[in-house]
């Protein structure tokens, strides 16, 4: 398993988003540091999140330039190195 400090993680979220809070709690629980960006208050960050994800929904999680929209635990675990990657 990779060190939790080796990942660059940004969570684009809004204050009242249930799934945004779940993602951040999950990352904290697993020992991963992340940068939280409130796209509800930062229009420029909102544009970045939309460009990265191709949609308006939150949370948008950027893990080493891999984008996850929503709280998809299986994909998050794979990108965080918590489970083996599954071949397509």
N, C-alpha and C. Protein backbone atom coordinates (compact mmCIF):
# COMPACT_ATOMS: atom_id res chain seq x y z
N UNK A 1 0.84 -1.18 0.00
CA UNK A 1 0.00 0.00 0.00
C UNK A 1 0.88 1.25 0.00
N UNK A 2 0.50 2.22 -0.80
CA UNK A 2 1.27 3.46 -0.87
C UNK A 2 1.04 4.29 0.39
N UNK A 3 2.00 5.12 0.68
CA UNK A 3 1.86 6.04 1.81
C UNK A 3 0.71 7.01 1.54
N UNK A 4 -0.03 7.33 2.58
CA UNK A 4 -1.15 8.24 2.42
C UNK A 4 -0.70 9.64 2.06
N UNK A 5 0.58 9.94 2.20
CA UNK A 5 1.06 11.28 1.88
C UNK A 5 1.46 11.41 0.41
N UNK A 6 1.45 10.31 -0.34
CA UNK A 6 1.93 10.36 -1.72
C UNK A 6 0.84 10.74 -2.73
N UNK A 7 -0.37 10.91 -2.28
CA UNK A 7 -1.47 11.25 -3.18
C UNK A 7 -1.78 12.74 -3.11
N UNK A 8 -2.05 13.32 -4.30
CA UNK A 8 -2.51 14.72 -4.35
C UNK A 8 -4.02 14.65 -4.55
N UNK A 9 -4.76 15.05 -3.52
CA UNK A 9 -6.21 14.92 -3.53
C UNK A 9 -6.86 16.28 -3.33
N UNK A 10 -7.81 16.60 -4.22
CA UNK A 10 -8.62 17.80 -4.08
C UNK A 10 -10.07 17.39 -4.13
N UNK A 11 -10.86 17.89 -3.18
CA UNK A 11 -12.30 17.62 -3.15
C UNK A 11 -13.02 18.94 -3.44
N UNK A 12 -13.72 18.97 -4.58
CA UNK A 12 -14.54 20.12 -4.94
C UNK A 12 -15.93 19.82 -4.41
N UNK A 13 -16.44 20.70 -3.54
CA UNK A 13 -17.68 20.40 -2.84
C UNK A 13 -18.47 21.67 -2.57
N UNK A 14 -19.65 21.47 -1.98
CA UNK A 14 -20.45 22.58 -1.47
C UNK A 14 -20.75 22.32 0.00
N UNK A 15 -21.09 23.37 0.70
CA UNK A 15 -21.29 23.29 2.14
C UNK A 15 -22.42 22.34 2.54
N UNK A 16 -23.51 22.32 1.78
CA UNK A 16 -24.69 21.56 2.17
C UNK A 16 -24.83 20.22 1.47
N UNK A 17 -23.77 19.73 0.85
CA UNK A 17 -23.82 18.48 0.09
C UNK A 17 -23.49 17.29 1.00
N UNK A 18 -24.46 16.41 1.19
CA UNK A 18 -24.29 15.24 2.05
C UNK A 18 -23.13 14.36 1.58
N UNK A 19 -23.07 14.10 0.28
CA UNK A 19 -22.04 13.21 -0.26
C UNK A 19 -20.65 13.85 -0.21
N UNK A 20 -20.61 15.16 -0.27
CA UNK A 20 -19.33 15.87 -0.12
C UNK A 20 -18.77 15.62 1.28
N UNK A 21 -19.64 15.72 2.27
CA UNK A 21 -19.21 15.48 3.65
C UNK A 21 -18.78 14.03 3.83
N UNK A 22 -19.51 13.09 3.20
CA UNK A 22 -19.15 11.67 3.31
C UNK A 22 -17.78 11.40 2.70
N UNK A 23 -17.49 11.99 1.55
CA UNK A 23 -16.19 11.80 0.91
C UNK A 23 -15.08 12.32 1.82
N UNK A 24 -15.26 13.51 2.35
CA UNK A 24 -14.22 14.11 3.19
C UNK A 24 -14.02 13.30 4.48
N UNK A 25 -15.12 12.84 5.09
CA UNK A 25 -15.02 12.01 6.28
C UNK A 25 -14.29 10.70 5.96
N UNK A 26 -14.60 10.12 4.82
CA UNK A 26 -13.97 8.86 4.41
C UNK A 26 -12.46 9.03 4.23
N UNK A 27 -12.07 10.08 3.52
CA UNK A 27 -10.65 10.35 3.30
C UNK A 27 -9.92 10.56 4.62
N UNK A 28 -10.53 11.31 5.53
CA UNK A 28 -9.94 11.55 6.84
C UNK A 28 -9.81 10.24 7.62
N UNK A 29 -10.88 9.44 7.60
CA UNK A 29 -10.89 8.16 8.30
C UNK A 29 -9.78 7.24 7.80
N UNK A 30 -9.51 7.29 6.49
CA UNK A 30 -8.48 6.44 5.90
C UNK A 30 -7.08 7.04 6.01
N UNK A 31 -6.98 8.26 6.56
CA UNK A 31 -5.68 8.87 6.80
C UNK A 31 -5.11 9.66 5.64
N UNK A 32 -5.96 10.09 4.71
CA UNK A 32 -5.50 10.85 3.55
C UNK A 32 -5.73 12.33 3.74
N UNK A 33 -4.68 13.11 3.51
CA UNK A 33 -4.80 14.57 3.51
C UNK A 33 -5.37 15.00 2.17
N UNK A 34 -6.17 16.05 2.18
CA UNK A 34 -6.77 16.55 0.94
C UNK A 34 -6.97 18.05 1.05
N UNK A 35 -7.14 18.67 -0.10
CA UNK A 35 -7.50 20.08 -0.17
C UNK A 35 -8.99 20.15 -0.46
N UNK A 36 -9.71 20.90 0.33
CA UNK A 36 -11.15 21.07 0.14
C UNK A 36 -11.41 22.42 -0.51
N UNK A 37 -12.17 22.41 -1.61
CA UNK A 37 -12.50 23.64 -2.32
C UNK A 37 -14.01 23.77 -2.38
N UNK A 38 -14.55 24.85 -1.85
CA UNK A 38 -15.99 25.09 -1.83
C UNK A 38 -16.40 25.78 -3.12
N UNK A 39 -16.96 25.02 -4.04
CA UNK A 39 -17.36 25.58 -5.34
C UNK A 39 -18.63 26.41 -5.24
N UNK A 40 -19.30 26.34 -4.10
CA UNK A 40 -20.46 27.19 -3.87
C UNK A 40 -20.06 28.64 -3.62
N UNK A 41 -18.84 28.83 -3.14
CA UNK A 41 -18.36 30.17 -2.81
C UNK A 41 -17.28 30.67 -3.77
N UNK A 42 -16.74 29.79 -4.59
CA UNK A 42 -15.61 30.13 -5.47
C UNK A 42 -15.97 29.80 -6.92
N UNK A 43 -16.37 30.82 -7.66
CA UNK A 43 -16.82 30.62 -9.05
C UNK A 43 -15.70 30.09 -9.94
N UNK A 44 -14.48 30.53 -9.71
CA UNK A 44 -13.35 30.06 -10.52
C UNK A 44 -13.11 28.57 -10.27
N UNK A 45 -13.18 28.16 -9.01
CA UNK A 45 -13.02 26.74 -8.67
C UNK A 45 -14.16 25.91 -9.25
N UNK A 46 -15.36 26.47 -9.29
CA UNK A 46 -16.51 25.78 -9.88
C UNK A 46 -16.24 25.49 -11.36
N UNK A 47 -15.68 26.47 -12.07
CA UNK A 47 -15.33 26.27 -13.48
C UNK A 47 -14.31 25.14 -13.63
N UNK A 48 -13.32 25.11 -12.76
CA UNK A 48 -12.29 24.07 -12.80
C UNK A 48 -12.93 22.70 -12.58
N UNK A 49 -13.81 22.61 -11.59
CA UNK A 49 -14.47 21.32 -11.29
C UNK A 49 -15.31 20.85 -12.47
N UNK A 50 -16.01 21.77 -13.11
CA UNK A 50 -16.83 21.41 -14.27
C UNK A 50 -15.94 20.97 -15.44
N UNK A 51 -14.83 21.67 -15.66
CA UNK A 51 -13.90 21.29 -16.72
C UNK A 51 -13.33 19.90 -16.48
N UNK A 52 -13.01 19.59 -15.23
CA UNK A 52 -12.42 18.29 -14.90
C UNK A 52 -13.43 17.17 -15.01
N UNK A 53 -14.67 17.42 -14.57
CA UNK A 53 -15.67 16.35 -14.49
C UNK A 53 -16.63 16.30 -15.67
N UNK A 54 -16.78 17.42 -16.37
CA UNK A 54 -17.72 17.47 -17.47
C UNK A 54 -19.16 17.63 -17.01
N UNK A 55 -19.38 17.93 -15.74
CA UNK A 55 -20.73 18.12 -15.23
C UNK A 55 -20.75 19.06 -14.04
N UNK A 56 -21.96 19.41 -13.60
CA UNK A 56 -22.12 20.38 -12.52
C UNK A 56 -22.20 19.75 -11.14
N UNK A 57 -22.32 18.43 -11.05
CA UNK A 57 -22.52 17.77 -9.77
C UNK A 57 -21.30 17.80 -8.87
N UNK A 58 -21.55 17.68 -7.57
CA UNK A 58 -20.50 17.55 -6.56
C UNK A 58 -20.84 16.35 -5.69
N UNK A 59 -19.88 15.78 -5.03
CA UNK A 59 -18.48 16.15 -5.03
C UNK A 59 -17.76 15.70 -6.29
N UNK A 60 -16.71 16.44 -6.62
CA UNK A 60 -15.75 16.05 -7.64
C UNK A 60 -14.44 15.84 -6.89
N UNK A 61 -13.94 14.61 -6.96
CA UNK A 61 -12.71 14.27 -6.26
C UNK A 61 -11.61 14.05 -7.28
N UNK A 62 -10.52 14.79 -7.15
CA UNK A 62 -9.36 14.67 -8.03
C UNK A 62 -8.25 14.00 -7.23
N UNK A 63 -7.94 12.76 -7.62
CA UNK A 63 -6.86 12.01 -6.97
C UNK A 63 -5.77 11.80 -8.01
N UNK A 64 -4.69 12.53 -7.90
CA UNK A 64 -3.59 12.43 -8.87
C UNK A 64 -4.10 12.53 -10.31
N UNK A 65 -4.97 13.50 -10.56
CA UNK A 65 -5.55 13.77 -11.89
C UNK A 65 -6.52 12.70 -12.37
N UNK A 66 -6.99 11.84 -11.48
CA UNK A 66 -8.08 10.90 -11.78
C UNK A 66 -9.34 11.46 -11.13
N UNK A 67 -10.39 11.62 -11.92
CA UNK A 67 -11.60 12.30 -11.45
C UNK A 67 -12.68 11.29 -11.07
N UNK A 68 -13.26 11.49 -9.89
CA UNK A 68 -14.39 10.70 -9.42
C UNK A 68 -15.50 11.68 -9.09
N UNK A 69 -16.69 11.45 -9.64
CA UNK A 69 -17.84 12.29 -9.32
C UNK A 69 -18.73 11.50 -8.37
N UNK A 70 -19.07 12.12 -7.26
CA UNK A 70 -19.90 11.45 -6.26
C UNK A 70 -19.04 10.67 -5.27
N UNK A 71 -19.72 9.94 -4.41
CA UNK A 71 -19.03 9.14 -3.39
C UNK A 71 -19.09 7.68 -3.85
N UNK A 72 -18.12 7.31 -4.68
CA UNK A 72 -18.01 5.94 -5.19
C UNK A 72 -16.85 5.27 -4.46
N UNK A 73 -17.18 4.60 -3.37
CA UNK A 73 -16.16 4.04 -2.48
C UNK A 73 -15.23 3.07 -3.19
N UNK A 74 -15.77 2.23 -4.07
CA UNK A 74 -14.93 1.25 -4.77
C UNK A 74 -13.87 1.93 -5.63
N UNK A 75 -14.26 2.95 -6.38
CA UNK A 75 -13.30 3.66 -7.23
C UNK A 75 -12.32 4.45 -6.37
N UNK A 76 -12.82 5.08 -5.33
CA UNK A 76 -11.93 5.82 -4.43
C UNK A 76 -10.88 4.88 -3.84
N UNK A 77 -11.32 3.71 -3.37
CA UNK A 77 -10.38 2.75 -2.79
C UNK A 77 -9.30 2.34 -3.79
N UNK A 78 -9.70 2.12 -5.04
CA UNK A 78 -8.73 1.73 -6.08
C UNK A 78 -7.72 2.85 -6.30
N UNK A 79 -8.21 4.08 -6.44
CA UNK A 79 -7.32 5.21 -6.71
C UNK A 79 -6.44 5.54 -5.51
N UNK A 80 -6.91 5.24 -4.32
CA UNK A 80 -6.12 5.49 -3.12
C UNK A 80 -5.15 4.36 -2.80
N UNK A 81 -5.24 3.28 -3.58
CA UNK A 81 -4.34 2.15 -3.37
C UNK A 81 -4.77 1.25 -2.23
N UNK A 82 -6.06 1.32 -1.86
CA UNK A 82 -6.57 0.50 -0.76
C UNK A 82 -7.03 -0.88 -1.22
N UNK A 83 -7.30 -1.00 -2.52
CA UNK A 83 -7.67 -2.30 -3.11
C UNK A 83 -6.93 -2.43 -4.43
N UNK A 84 -6.73 -3.64 -4.89
CA UNK A 84 -6.07 -3.81 -6.19
C UNK A 84 -6.93 -3.25 -7.31
N UNK A 85 -6.27 -2.69 -8.31
CA UNK A 85 -6.98 -2.17 -9.48
C UNK A 85 -7.59 -3.33 -10.25
N UNK A 86 -8.78 -3.10 -10.80
CA UNK A 86 -9.46 -4.11 -11.59
C UNK A 86 -9.25 -3.79 -13.06
N UNK A 87 -8.82 -4.77 -13.84
CA UNK A 87 -8.60 -4.56 -15.27
C UNK A 87 -9.95 -4.49 -15.97
N UNK A 88 -10.05 -3.60 -16.97
CA UNK A 88 -11.29 -3.47 -17.75
C UNK A 88 -11.38 -4.53 -18.81
